[in-house]
Amino acid sequence: MSKVIEVTDQNFEQEVLNSDVPTEVDFWAPWCSPCLIVSPIYDKLAEEYGNFKFCKINVDDNPEIPTRYQVQAIPMQMFFANGKRVDELLGAVPEQVIRSKVADVLRRFPVE
């Protein structure tokens, strides 16, 4: 994958749950300053990891998915593999924390 994919309530299942690689979803909103701080990190990682999908969903424009996954604060990053949520990070965390989480998810759910 080479760029962050914008997902919506309509394509979440296709892009995330049916993905053949582990996937990170960044729950964000344009008014959220911490969200805007971490966004470039995901852009960078999306270019580096070919075996991992990075997505983002605007919680204001797409309320169904955040409600389904009980997102109560943003930024919230959820990690999915094999159609299930497998991990999460809350808040504007440093790049190294995100890298470590991606590596952990890839260890637990290797891509063949």
PDB file of N, CA and C in Angstrom:
ATOM      1  N   MET A   1       0.856  -1.169   0.000  1.00  0.00           N
ATOM      2  CA  MET A   1       0.000   0.000   0.000  1.00  0.00           C
ATOM      3  C   MET A   1       0.903   1.233   0.000  1.00  0.00           C
ATOM      4  N   SER A   2       0.482   2.242  -0.694  1.00  0.00           N
ATOM      5  CA  SER A   2       1.367   3.393  -0.797  1.00  0.00           C
ATOM      6  C   SER A   2       0.770   4.672  -0.244  1.00  0.00           C
ATOM      7  N   LYS A   3      -0.516   4.655   0.096  1.00  0.00           N
ATOM      8  CA  LYS A   3      -1.101   5.868   0.655  1.00  0.00           C
ATOM      9  C   LYS A   3      -2.209   5.493   1.625  1.00  0.00           C
ATOM     10  N   VAL A   4      -2.556   6.442   2.466  1.00  0.00           N
ATOM     11  CA  VAL A   4      -3.650   6.239   3.407  1.00  0.00           C
ATOM     12  C   VAL A   4      -4.963   6.283   2.628  1.00  0.00           C
ATOM     13  N   ILE A   5      -5.822   5.325   2.902  1.00  0.00           N
ATOM     14  CA  ILE A   5      -7.102   5.213   2.207  1.00  0.00           C
ATOM     15  C   ILE A   5      -8.200   5.809   3.076  1.00  0.00           C
ATOM     16  N   GLU A   6      -8.987   6.698   2.503  1.00  0.00           N
ATOM     17  CA  GLU A   6     -10.129   7.266   3.222  1.00  0.00           C
ATOM     18  C   GLU A   6     -11.275   6.273   3.148  1.00  0.00           C
ATOM     19  N   VAL A   7     -11.742   5.820   4.308  1.00  0.00           N
ATOM     20  CA  VAL A   7     -12.879   4.912   4.331  1.00  0.00           C
ATOM     21  C   VAL A   7     -14.111   5.638   4.854  1.00  0.00           C
ATOM     22  N   THR A   8     -15.259   5.070   4.549  1.00  0.00           N
ATOM     23  CA  THR A   8     -16.545   5.646   4.937  1.00  0.00           C
ATOM     24  C   THR A   8     -17.400   4.557   5.571  1.00  0.00           C
ATOM     25  N   ASP A   9     -18.558   4.970   6.072  1.00  0.00           N
ATOM     26  CA  ASP A   9     -19.510   3.980   6.574  1.00  0.00           C
ATOM     27  C   ASP A   9     -19.852   2.966   5.484  1.00  0.00           C
ATOM     28  N   GLN A  10     -19.872   3.419   4.237  1.00  0.00           N
ATOM     29  CA  GLN A  10     -20.284   2.565   3.125  1.00  0.00           C
ATOM     30  C   GLN A  10     -19.210   1.559   2.691  1.00  0.00           C
ATOM     31  N   ASN A  11     -17.926   1.933   2.739  1.00  0.00           N
ATOM     32  CA  ASN A  11     -16.905   1.009   2.233  1.00  0.00           C
ATOM     33  C   ASN A  11     -16.019   0.402   3.320  1.00  0.00           C
ATOM     34  N   PHE A  12     -16.348   0.620   4.582  1.00  0.00           N
ATOM     35  CA  PHE A  12     -15.541   0.116   5.690  1.00  0.00           C
ATOM     36  C   PHE A  12     -15.390  -1.403   5.632  1.00  0.00           C
ATOM     37  N   GLU A  13     -16.481  -2.092   5.436  1.00  0.00           N
ATOM     38  CA  GLU A  13     -16.422  -3.555   5.409  1.00  0.00           C
ATOM     39  C   GLU A  13     -15.497  -4.043   4.297  1.00  0.00           C
ATOM     40  N   GLN A  14     -15.644  -3.476   3.124  1.00  0.00           N
ATOM     41  CA  GLN A  14     -14.823  -3.883   1.980  1.00  0.00           C
ATOM     42  C   GLN A  14     -13.348  -3.561   2.209  1.00  0.00           C
ATOM     43  N   GLU A  15     -13.046  -2.341   2.628  1.00  0.00           N
ATOM     44  CA  GLU A  15     -11.653  -1.896   2.751  1.00  0.00           C
ATOM     45  C   GLU A  15     -10.945  -2.438   3.993  1.00  0.00           C
ATOM     46  N   VAL A  16     -11.691  -2.607   5.089  1.00  0.00           N
ATOM     47  CA  VAL A  16     -11.063  -2.972   6.361  1.00  0.00           C
ATOM     48  C   VAL A  16     -11.341  -4.429   6.736  1.00  0.00           C
ATOM     49  N   LEU A  17     -12.589  -4.765   6.915  1.00  0.00           N
ATOM     50  CA  LEU A  17     -12.923  -6.107   7.393  1.00  0.00           C
ATOM     51  C   LEU A  17     -12.595  -7.191   6.374  1.00  0.00           C
ATOM     52  N   ASN A  18     -12.708  -6.884   5.099  1.00  0.00           N
ATOM     53  CA  ASN A  18     -12.399  -7.865   4.054  1.00  0.00           C
ATOM     54  C   ASN A  18     -10.977  -7.736   3.509  1.00  0.00           C
ATOM     55  N   SER A  19     -10.160  -6.919   4.132  1.00  0.00           N
ATOM     56  CA  SER A  19      -8.785  -6.725   3.666  1.00  0.00           C
ATOM     57  C   SER A  19      -7.984  -8.019   3.809  1.00  0.00           C
ATOM     58  N   ASP A  20      -7.108  -8.276   2.855  1.00  0.00           N
ATOM     59  CA  ASP A  20      -6.264  -9.468   2.933  1.00  0.00           C
ATOM     60  C   ASP A  20      -4.947  -9.203   3.662  1.00  0.00           C
ATOM     61  N   VAL A  21      -4.775  -7.995   4.170  1.00  0.00           N
ATOM     62  CA  VAL A  21      -3.604  -7.651   4.986  1.00  0.00           C
ATOM     63  C   VAL A  21      -4.088  -6.947   6.256  1.00  0.00           C
ATOM     64  N   PRO A  22      -3.291  -6.995   7.331  1.00  0.00           N
ATOM     65  CA  PRO A  22      -3.667  -6.247   8.529  1.00  0.00           C
ATOM     66  C   PRO A  22      -3.872  -4.772   8.188  1.00  0.00           C
ATOM     67  N   THR A  23      -4.795  -4.145   8.903  1.00  0.00           N
ATOM     68  CA  THR A  23      -5.217  -2.787   8.562  1.00  0.00           C
ATOM     69  C   THR A  23      -5.339  -1.930   9.808  1.00  0.00           C
ATOM     70  N   GLU A  24      -4.847  -0.705   9.709  1.00  0.00           N
ATOM     71  CA  GLU A  24      -5.002   0.294  10.774  1.00  0.00           C
ATOM     72  C   GLU A  24      -6.047   1.291  10.315  1.00  0.00           C
ATOM     73  N   VAL A  25      -6.935   1.673  11.242  1.00  0.00           N
ATOM     74  CA  VAL A  25      -7.932   2.702  10.946  1.00  0.00           C
ATOM     75  C   VAL A  25      -7.750   3.840  11.941  1.00  0.00           C
ATOM     76  N   ASP A  26      -7.533   5.022  11.412  1.00  0.00           N
ATOM     77  CA  ASP A  26      -7.379   6.236  12.212  1.00  0.00           C
ATOM     78  C   ASP A  26      -8.731   6.941  12.251  1.00  0.00           C
ATOM     79  N   PHE A  27      -9.363   6.961  13.422  1.00  0.00           N
ATOM     80  CA  PHE A  27     -10.623   7.681  13.613  1.00  0.00           C
ATOM     81  C   PHE A  27     -10.260   9.121  13.958  1.00  0.00           C
ATOM     82  N   TRP A  28     -10.722  10.071  13.154  1.00  0.00           N
ATOM     83  CA  TRP A  28     -10.277  11.454  13.276  1.00  0.00           C
ATOM     84  C   TRP A  28     -11.407  12.416  12.906  1.00  0.00           C
ATOM     85  N   ALA A  29     -11.130  13.713  13.101  1.00  0.00           N
ATOM     86  CA  ALA A  29     -12.024  14.792  12.662  1.00  0.00           C
ATOM     87  C   ALA A  29     -11.159  16.006  12.334  1.00  0.00           C
ATOM     88  N   PRO A  30     -11.603  16.838  11.387  1.00  0.00           N
ATOM     89  CA  PRO A  30     -10.791  17.986  10.967  1.00  0.00           C
ATOM     90  C   PRO A  30     -10.568  19.033  12.054  1.00  0.00           C
ATOM     91  N   TRP A  31     -11.426  19.097  13.054  1.00  0.00           N
ATOM     92  CA  TRP A  31     -11.297  20.079  14.134  1.00  0.00           C
ATOM     93  C   TRP A  31     -10.385  19.583  15.262  1.00  0.00           C
ATOM     94  N   CYS A  32      -9.929  18.350  15.181  1.00  0.00           N
ATOM     95  CA  CYS A  32      -9.146  17.708  16.248  1.00  0.00           C
ATOM     96  C   CYS A  32      -7.652  17.956  16.020  1.00  0.00           C
ATOM     97  N   SER A  33      -7.069  18.866  16.799  1.00  0.00           N
ATOM     98  CA  SER A  33      -5.643  19.192  16.638  1.00  0.00           C
ATOM     99  C   SER A  33      -4.724  17.984  16.808  1.00  0.00           C
ATOM    100  N   PRO A  34      -4.905  17.153  17.848  1.00  0.00           N
ATOM    101  CA  PRO A  34      -4.048  15.972  17.965  1.00  0.00           C
ATOM    102  C   PRO A  34      -4.164  15.037  16.754  1.00  0.00           C
ATOM    103  N   CYS A  35      -5.350  14.961  16.167  1.00  0.00           N
ATOM    104  CA  CYS A  35      -5.536  14.131  14.964  1.00  0.00           C
ATOM    105  C   CYS A  35      -4.661  14.636  13.828  1.00  0.00           C
ATOM    106  N   LEU A  36      -4.604  15.945  13.685  1.00  0.00           N
ATOM    107  CA  LEU A  36      -3.820  16.543  12.606  1.00  0.00           C
ATOM    108  C   LEU A  36      -2.324  16.371  12.841  1.00  0.00           C
ATOM    109  N   ILE A  37      -1.928  16.237  14.103  1.00  0.00           N
ATOM    110  CA  ILE A  37      -0.521  16.028  14.438  1.00  0.00           C
ATOM    111  C   ILE A  37      -0.064  14.631  14.027  1.00  0.00           C
ATOM    112  N   VAL A  38      -0.900  13.609  14.265  1.00  0.00           N
ATOM    113  CA  VAL A  38      -0.481  12.234  13.955  1.00  0.00           C
ATOM    114  C   VAL A  38      -0.713  11.845  12.499  1.00  0.00           C
ATOM    115  N   SER A  39      -1.542  12.568  11.803  1.00  0.00           N
ATOM    116  CA  SER A  39      -1.873  12.212  10.419  1.00  0.00           C
ATOM    117  C   SER A  39      -0.643  12.034   9.517  1.00  0.00           C
ATOM    118  N   PRO A  40       0.352  12.930   9.569  1.00  0.00           N
ATOM    119  CA  PRO A  40       1.538  12.743   8.713  1.00  0.00           C
ATOM    120  C   PRO A  40       2.319  11.462   9.027  1.00  0.00           C
ATOM    121  N   ILE A  41       2.227  10.988  10.263  1.00  0.00           N
ATOM    122  CA  ILE A  41       2.906   9.737  10.619  1.00  0.00           C
ATOM    123  C   ILE A  41       2.318   8.590   9.809  1.00  0.00           C
ATOM    124  N   TYR A  42       1.002   8.557   9.700  1.00  0.00           N
ATOM    125  CA  TYR A  42       0.356   7.479   8.944  1.00  0.00           C
ATOM    126  C   TYR A  42       0.649   7.593   7.456  1.00  0.00           C
ATOM    127  N   ASP A  43       0.745   8.818   6.955  1.00  0.00           N
ATOM    128  CA  ASP A  43       1.132   9.005   5.551  1.00  0.00           C
ATOM    129  C   ASP A  43       2.514   8.396   5.299  1.00  0.00           C
ATOM    130  N   LYS A  44       3.432   8.650   6.222  1.00  0.00           N
ATOM    131  CA  LYS A  44       4.800   8.146   6.102  1.00  0.00           C
ATOM    132  C   LYS A  44       4.836   6.619   6.182  1.00  0.00           C
ATOM    133  N   LEU A  45       4.133   6.059   7.152  1.00  0.00           N
ATOM    134  CA  LEU A  45       4.141   4.609   7.327  1.00  0.00           C
ATOM    135  C   LEU A  45       3.473   3.893   6.161  1.00  0.00           C
ATOM    136  N   ALA A  46       2.438   4.499   5.603  1.00  0.00           N
ATOM    137  CA  ALA A  46       1.742   3.888   4.462  1.00  0.00           C
ATOM    138  C   ALA A  46       2.688   3.716   3.280  1.00  0.00           C
ATOM    139  N   GLU A  47       3.634   4.624   3.129  1.00  0.00           N
ATOM    140  CA  GLU A  47       4.615   4.517   2.045  1.00  0.00           C
ATOM    141  C   GLU A  47       5.660   3.444   2.330  1.00  0.00           C
ATOM    142  N   GLU A  48       5.908   3.170   3.610  1.00  0.00           N
ATOM    143  CA  GLU A  48       6.963   2.231   3.995  1.00  0.00           C
ATOM    144  C   GLU A  48       6.507   0.776   4.053  1.00  0.00           C
ATOM    145  N   TYR A  49       5.272   0.543   4.474  1.00  0.00           N
ATOM    146  CA  TYR A  49       4.798  -0.820   4.697  1.00  0.00           C
ATOM    147  C   TYR A  49       3.924  -1.284   3.542  1.00  0.00           C
ATOM    148  N   GLY A  50       4.444  -2.215   2.741  1.00  0.00           N
ATOM    149  CA  GLY A  50       3.667  -2.746   1.638  1.00  0.00           C
ATOM    150  C   GLY A  50       2.717  -3.852   2.053  1.00  0.00           C
ATOM    151  N   ASN A  51       2.923  -4.404   3.244  1.00  0.00           N
ATOM    152  CA  ASN A  51       2.115  -5.526   3.705  1.00  0.00           C
ATOM    153  C   ASN A  51       1.153  -5.124   4.826  1.00  0.00           C
ATOM    154  N   PHE A  52       0.805  -3.851   4.857  1.00  0.00           N
ATOM    155  CA  PHE A  52      -0.068  -3.320   5.907  1.00  0.00           C
ATOM    156  C   PHE A  52      -0.875  -2.190   5.287  1.00  0.00           C
ATOM    157  N   LYS A  53      -2.166  -2.149   5.562  1.00  0.00           N
ATOM    158  CA  LYS A  53      -3.023  -1.107   4.986  1.00  0.00           C
ATOM    159  C   LYS A  53      -3.318  -0.052   6.054  1.00  0.00           C
ATOM    160  N   PHE A  54      -3.211   1.209   5.665  1.00  0.00           N
ATOM    161  CA  PHE A  54      -3.512   2.326   6.555  1.00  0.00           C
ATOM    162  C   PHE A  54      -4.729   3.066   6.025  1.00  0.00           C
ATOM    163  N   CYS A  55      -5.715   3.241   6.894  1.00  0.00           N
ATOM    164  CA  CYS A  55      -6.965   3.910   6.518  1.00  0.00           C
ATOM    165  C   CYS A  55      -7.286   4.992   7.536  1.00  0.00           C
ATOM    166  N   LYS A  56      -8.176   5.896   7.139  1.00  0.00           N
ATOM    167  CA  LYS A  56      -8.687   6.872   8.093  1.00  0.00           C
ATOM    168  C   LYS A  56     -10.162   7.093   7.803  1.00  0.00           C
ATOM    169  N   ILE A  57     -10.899   7.429   8.879  1.00  0.00           N
ATOM    170  CA  ILE A  57     -12.326   7.682   8.748  1.00  0.00           C
ATOM    171  C   ILE A  57     -12.685   8.936   9.538  1.00  0.00           C
ATOM    172  N   ASN A  58     -13.328   9.865   8.862  1.00  0.00           N
ATOM    173  CA  ASN A  58     -13.775  11.111   9.488  1.00  0.00           C
ATOM    174  C   ASN A  58     -15.028  10.789  10.302  1.00  0.00           C
ATOM    175  N   VAL A  59     -14.933  10.925  11.626  1.00  0.00           N
ATOM    176  CA  VAL A  59     -16.040  10.533  12.500  1.00  0.00           C
ATOM    177  C   VAL A  59     -17.250  11.454  12.377  1.00  0.00           C
ATOM    178  N   ASP A  60     -17.036  12.691  11.946  1.00  0.00           N
ATOM    179  CA  ASP A  60     -18.161  13.613  11.764  1.00  0.00           C
ATOM    180  C   ASP A  60     -18.993  13.242  10.543  1.00  0.00           C
ATOM    181  N   ASP A  61     -18.325  12.861   9.471  1.00  0.00           N
ATOM    182  CA  ASP A  61     -19.016  12.528   8.222  1.00  0.00           C
ATOM    183  C   ASP A  61     -19.524  11.095   8.186  1.00  0.00           C
ATOM    184  N   ASN A  62     -18.985  10.254   9.049  1.00  0.00           N
ATOM    185  CA  ASN A  62     -19.309   8.822   9.042  1.00  0.00           C
ATOM    186  C   ASN A  62     -19.565   8.337  10.466  1.00  0.00           C
ATOM    187  N   PRO A  63     -20.738   8.591  11.026  1.00  0.00           N
ATOM    188  CA  PRO A  63     -20.998   8.264  12.427  1.00  0.00           C
ATOM    189  C   PRO A  63     -21.273   6.782  12.710  1.00  0.00           C
ATOM    190  N   GLU A  64     -21.645   6.016  11.707  1.00  0.00           N
ATOM    191  CA  GLU A  64     -22.055   4.626  11.942  1.00  0.00           C
ATOM    192  C   GLU A  64     -20.910   3.748  12.457  1.00  0.00           C
ATOM    193  N   ILE A  65     -19.768   3.798  11.796  1.00  0.00           N
ATOM    194  CA  ILE A  65     -18.640   2.935  12.171  1.00  0.00           C
ATOM    195  C   ILE A  65     -18.074   3.318  13.545  1.00  0.00           C
ATOM    196  N   PRO A  66     -17.839   4.592  13.841  1.00  0.00           N
ATOM    197  CA  PRO A  66     -17.374   4.937  15.191  1.00  0.00           C
ATOM    198  C   PRO A  66     -18.356   4.490  16.282  1.00  0.00           C
ATOM    199  N   THR A  67     -19.643   4.571  16.002  1.00  0.00           N
ATOM    200  CA  THR A  67     -20.639   4.111  16.974  1.00  0.00           C
ATOM    201  C   THR A  67     -20.539   2.600  17.153  1.00  0.00           C
ATOM    202  N   ARG A  68     -20.409   1.873  16.054  1.00  0.00           N
ATOM    203  CA  ARG A  68     -20.311   0.407  16.119  1.00  0.00           C
ATOM    204  C   ARG A  68     -19.125  -0.033  16.969  1.00  0.00           C
ATOM    205  N   TYR A  69     -18.005   0.689  16.852  1.00  0.00           N
ATOM    206  CA  TYR A  69     -16.799   0.318  17.587  1.00  0.00           C
ATOM    207  C   TYR A  69     -16.608   1.138  18.868  1.00  0.00           C
ATOM    208  N   GLN A  70     -17.645   1.849  19.272  1.00  0.00           N
ATOM    209  CA  GLN A  70     -17.678   2.596  20.540  1.00  0.00           C
ATOM    210  C   GLN A  70     -16.511   3.570  20.688  1.00  0.00           C
ATOM    211  N   VAL A  71     -16.233   4.303  19.624  1.00  0.00           N
ATOM    212  CA  VAL A  71     -15.189   5.327  19.666  1.00  0.00           C
ATOM    213  C   VAL A  71     -15.748   6.527  20.424  1.00  0.00           C
ATOM    214  N   GLN A  72     -15.141   6.838  21.569  1.00  0.00           N
ATOM    215  CA  GLN A  72     -15.619   7.943  22.393  1.00  0.00           C
ATOM    216  C   GLN A  72     -14.629   9.088  22.479  1.00  0.00           C
ATOM    217  N   ALA A  73     -13.422   8.875  21.972  1.00  0.00           N
ATOM    218  CA  ALA A  73     -12.398   9.922  21.972  1.00  0.00           C
ATOM    219  C   ALA A  73     -11.542   9.735  20.721  1.00  0.00           C
ATOM    220  N   ILE A  74     -11.028  10.836  20.214  1.00  0.00           N
ATOM    221  CA  ILE A  74     -10.142  10.785  19.049  1.00  0.00           C
ATOM    222  C   ILE A  74      -8.899  11.630  19.326  1.00  0.00           C
ATOM    223  N   PRO A  75      -7.781  11.342  18.679  1.00  0.00           N
ATOM    224  CA  PRO A  75      -7.611  10.281  17.702  1.00  0.00           C
ATOM    225  C   PRO A  75      -7.612   8.896  18.351  1.00  0.00           C
ATOM    226  N   MET A  76      -8.222   7.968  17.658  1.00  0.00           N
ATOM    227  CA  MET A  76      -8.261   6.565  18.065  1.00  0.00           C
ATOM    228  C   MET A  76      -7.795   5.753  16.870  1.00  0.00           C
ATOM    229  N   GLN A  77      -6.833   4.890  17.094  1.00  0.00           N
ATOM    230  CA  GLN A  77      -6.355   4.019  16.035  1.00  0.00           C
ATOM    231  C   GLN A  77      -6.727   2.592  16.391  1.00  0.00           C
ATOM    232  N   MET A  78      -7.441   1.944  15.495  1.00  0.00           N
ATOM    233  CA  MET A  78      -7.787   0.540  15.692  1.00  0.00           C
ATOM    234  C   MET A  78      -7.089  -0.288  14.628  1.00  0.00           C
ATOM    235  N   PHE A  79      -6.692  -1.473  15.042  1.00  0.00           N
ATOM    236  CA  PHE A  79      -5.988  -2.393  14.156  1.00  0.00           C
ATOM    237  C   PHE A  79      -6.860  -3.618  13.930  1.00  0.00           C
ATOM    238  N   PHE A  80      -6.986  -4.005  12.668  1.00  0.00           N
ATOM    239  CA  PHE A  80      -7.846  -5.114  12.274  1.00  0.00           C
ATOM    240  C   PHE A  80      -7.029  -6.157  11.522  1.00  0.00           C
ATOM    241  N   ALA A  81      -7.397  -7.419  11.724  1.00  0.00           N
ATOM    242  CA  ALA A  81      -6.809  -8.524  10.964  1.00  0.00           C
ATOM    243  C   ALA A  81      -7.853  -9.628  10.877  1.00  0.00           C
ATOM    244  N   ASN A  82      -7.937 -10.241   9.733  1.00  0.00           N
ATOM    245  CA  ASN A  82      -8.892 -11.334   9.524  1.00  0.00           C
ATOM    246  C   ASN A  82     -10.318 -10.935   9.886  1.00  0.00           C
ATOM    247  N   GLY A  83     -10.674  -9.682   9.597  1.00  0.00           N
ATOM    248  CA  GLY A  83     -12.036  -9.220   9.814  1.00  0.00           C
ATOM    249  C   GLY A  83     -12.396  -8.845  11.235  1.00  0.00           C
ATOM    250  N   LYS A  84     -11.405  -8.835  12.138  1.00  0.00           N
ATOM    251  CA  LYS A  84     -11.683  -8.534  13.546  1.00  0.00           C
ATOM    252  C   LYS A  84     -10.739  -7.451  14.070  1.00  0.00           C
ATOM    253  N   ARG A  85     -11.251  -6.685  15.039  1.00  0.00           N
ATOM    254  CA  ARG A  85     -10.390  -5.713  15.725  1.00  0.00           C
ATOM    255  C   ARG A  85      -9.444  -6.487  16.625  1.00  0.00           C
ATOM    256  N   VAL A  86      -8.149  -6.203  16.505  1.00  0.00           N
ATOM    257  CA  VAL A  86      -7.157  -6.964  17.260  1.00  0.00           C
ATOM    258  C   VAL A  86      -6.338  -6.108  18.219  1.00  0.00           C
ATOM    259  N   ASP A  87      -6.409  -4.787  18.070  1.00  0.00           N
ATOM    260  CA  ASP A  87      -5.647  -3.915  18.961  1.00  0.00           C
ATOM    261  C   ASP A  87      -6.080  -2.478  18.734  1.00  0.00           C
ATOM    262  N   GLU A  88      -5.608  -1.579  19.597  1.00  0.00           N
ATOM    263  CA  GLU A  88      -5.936  -0.160  19.433  1.00  0.00           C
ATOM    264  C   GLU A  88      -4.930   0.708  20.167  1.00  0.00           C
ATOM    265  N   LEU A  89      -4.879   1.953  19.751  1.00  0.00           N
ATOM    266  CA  LEU A  89      -4.098   2.999  20.411  1.00  0.00           C
ATOM    267  C   LEU A  89      -5.004   4.212  20.552  1.00  0.00           C
ATOM    268  N   LEU A  90      -4.939   4.872  21.681  1.00  0.00           N
ATOM    269  CA  LEU A  90      -5.740   6.073  21.893  1.00  0.00           C
ATOM    270  C   LEU A  90      -4.817   7.265  22.067  1.00  0.00           C
ATOM    271  N   GLY A  91      -5.130   8.337  21.368  1.00  0.00           N
ATOM    272  CA  GLY A  91      -4.396   9.580  21.532  1.00  0.00           C
ATOM    273  C   GLY A  91      -3.330   9.799  20.479  1.00  0.00           C
ATOM    274  N   ALA A  92      -2.706  10.956  20.583  1.00  0.00           N
ATOM    275  CA  ALA A  92      -1.628  11.331  19.660  1.00  0.00           C
ATOM    276  C   ALA A  92      -0.326  10.766  20.210  1.00  0.00           C
ATOM    277  N   VAL A  93      -0.037   9.536  19.842  1.00  0.00           N
ATOM    278  CA  VAL A  93       1.142   8.852  20.361  1.00  0.00           C
ATOM    279  C   VAL A  93       2.330   9.064  19.419  1.00  0.00           C
ATOM    280  N   PRO A  94       3.553   8.930  19.939  1.00  0.00           N
ATOM    281  CA  PRO A  94       4.745   9.123  19.109  1.00  0.00           C
ATOM    282  C   PRO A  94       4.851   8.073  17.996  1.00  0.00           C
ATOM    283  N   GLU A  95       5.572   8.439  16.950  1.00  0.00           N
ATOM    284  CA  GLU A  95       5.751   7.547  15.802  1.00  0.00           C
ATOM    285  C   GLU A  95       6.288   6.183  16.214  1.00  0.00           C
ATOM    286  N   GLN A  96       7.243   6.149  17.139  1.00  0.00           N
ATOM    287  CA  GLN A  96       7.838   4.868  17.533  1.00  0.00           C
ATOM    288  C   GLN A  96       6.807   3.943  18.174  1.00  0.00           C
ATOM    289  N   VAL A  97       5.859   4.491  18.899  1.00  0.00           N
ATOM    290  CA  VAL A  97       4.794   3.677  19.503  1.00  0.00           C
ATOM    291  C   VAL A  97       3.932   3.055  18.404  1.00  0.00           C
ATOM    292  N   ILE A  98       3.622   3.841  17.396  1.00  0.00           N
ATOM    293  CA  ILE A  98       2.816   3.342  16.277  1.00  0.00           C
ATOM    294  C   ILE A  98       3.588   2.270  15.514  1.00  0.00           C
ATOM    295  N   ARG A  99       4.867   2.531  15.238  1.00  0.00           N
ATOM    296  CA  ARG A  99       5.693   1.539  14.539  1.00  0.00           C
ATOM    297  C   ARG A  99       5.740   0.219  15.315  1.00  0.00           C
ATOM    298  N   SER A 100       5.892   0.325  16.613  1.00  0.00           N
ATOM    299  CA  SER A 100       5.944  -0.863  17.460  1.00  0.00           C
ATOM    300  C   SER A 100       4.629  -1.641  17.393  1.00  0.00           C
ATOM    301  N   LYS A 101       3.523  -0.923  17.389  1.00  0.00           N
ATOM    302  CA  LYS A 101       2.210  -1.573  17.316  1.00  0.00           C
ATOM    303  C   LYS A 101       2.028  -2.258  15.964  1.00  0.00           C
ATOM    304  N   VAL A 102       2.420  -1.593  14.886  1.00  0.00           N
ATOM    305  CA  VAL A 102       2.325  -2.194  13.550  1.00  0.00           C
ATOM    306  C   VAL A 102       3.170  -3.473  13.501  1.00  0.00           C
ATOM    307  N   ALA A 103       4.394  -3.414  14.016  1.00  0.00           N
ATOM    308  CA  ALA A 103       5.271  -4.588  14.027  1.00  0.00           C
ATOM    309  C   ALA A 103       4.654  -5.720  14.838  1.00  0.00           C
ATOM    310  N   ASP A 104       4.047  -5.386  15.962  1.00  0.00           N
ATOM    311  CA  ASP A 104       3.403  -6.394  16.804  1.00  0.00           C
ATOM    312  C   ASP A 104       2.235  -7.058  16.073  1.00  0.00           C
ATOM    313  N   VAL A 105       1.409  -6.262  15.422  1.00  0.00           N
ATOM    314  CA  VAL A 105       0.268  -6.815  14.682  1.00  0.00           C
ATOM    315  C   VAL A 105       0.771  -7.707  13.547  1.00  0.00           C
ATOM    316  N   LEU A 106       1.812  -7.284  12.848  1.00  0.00           N
ATOM    317  CA  LEU A 106       2.364  -8.102  11.766  1.00  0.00           C
ATOM    318  C   LEU A 106       2.971  -9.406  12.287  1.00  0.00           C
ATOM    319  N   ARG A 107       3.550  -9.382  13.483  1.00  0.00           N
ATOM    320  CA  ARG A 107       4.077 -10.609  14.093  1.00  0.00           C
ATOM    321  C   ARG A 107       2.938 -11.574  14.411  1.00  0.00           C
ATOM    322  N   ARG A 108       1.863 -11.027  14.962  1.00  0.00           N
ATOM    323  CA  ARG A 108       0.725 -11.861  15.363  1.00  0.00           C
ATOM    324  C   ARG A 108      -0.111 -12.336  14.180  1.00  0.00           C
ATOM    325  N   PHE A 109      -0.132 -11.543  13.112  1.00  0.00           N
ATOM    326  CA  PHE A 109      -0.945 -11.857  11.932  1.00  0.00           C
ATOM    327  C   PHE A 109      -0.088 -11.691  10.677  1.00  0.00           C
ATOM    328  N   PRO A 110       0.866 -12.603  10.468  1.00  0.00           N
ATOM    329  CA  PRO A 110       1.782 -12.457   9.333  1.00  0.00           C
ATOM    330  C   PRO A 110       1.055 -12.546   7.995  1.00  0.00           C
ATOM    331  N   VAL A 111       1.565 -11.783   7.052  1.00  0.00           N
ATOM    332  CA  VAL A 111       1.019 -11.784   5.697  1.00  0.00           C
ATOM    333  C   VAL A 111       1.787 -12.823   4.897  1.00  0.00           C
ATOM    334  N   GLU A 112       1.061 -13.703   4.245  1.00  0.00           N
ATOM    335  CA  GLU A 112       1.709 -14.773   3.466  1.00  0.00           C
ATOM    336  C   GLU A 112       2.115 -14.282   2.102  1.00  0.00           C
TER     337      GLU A 112
END
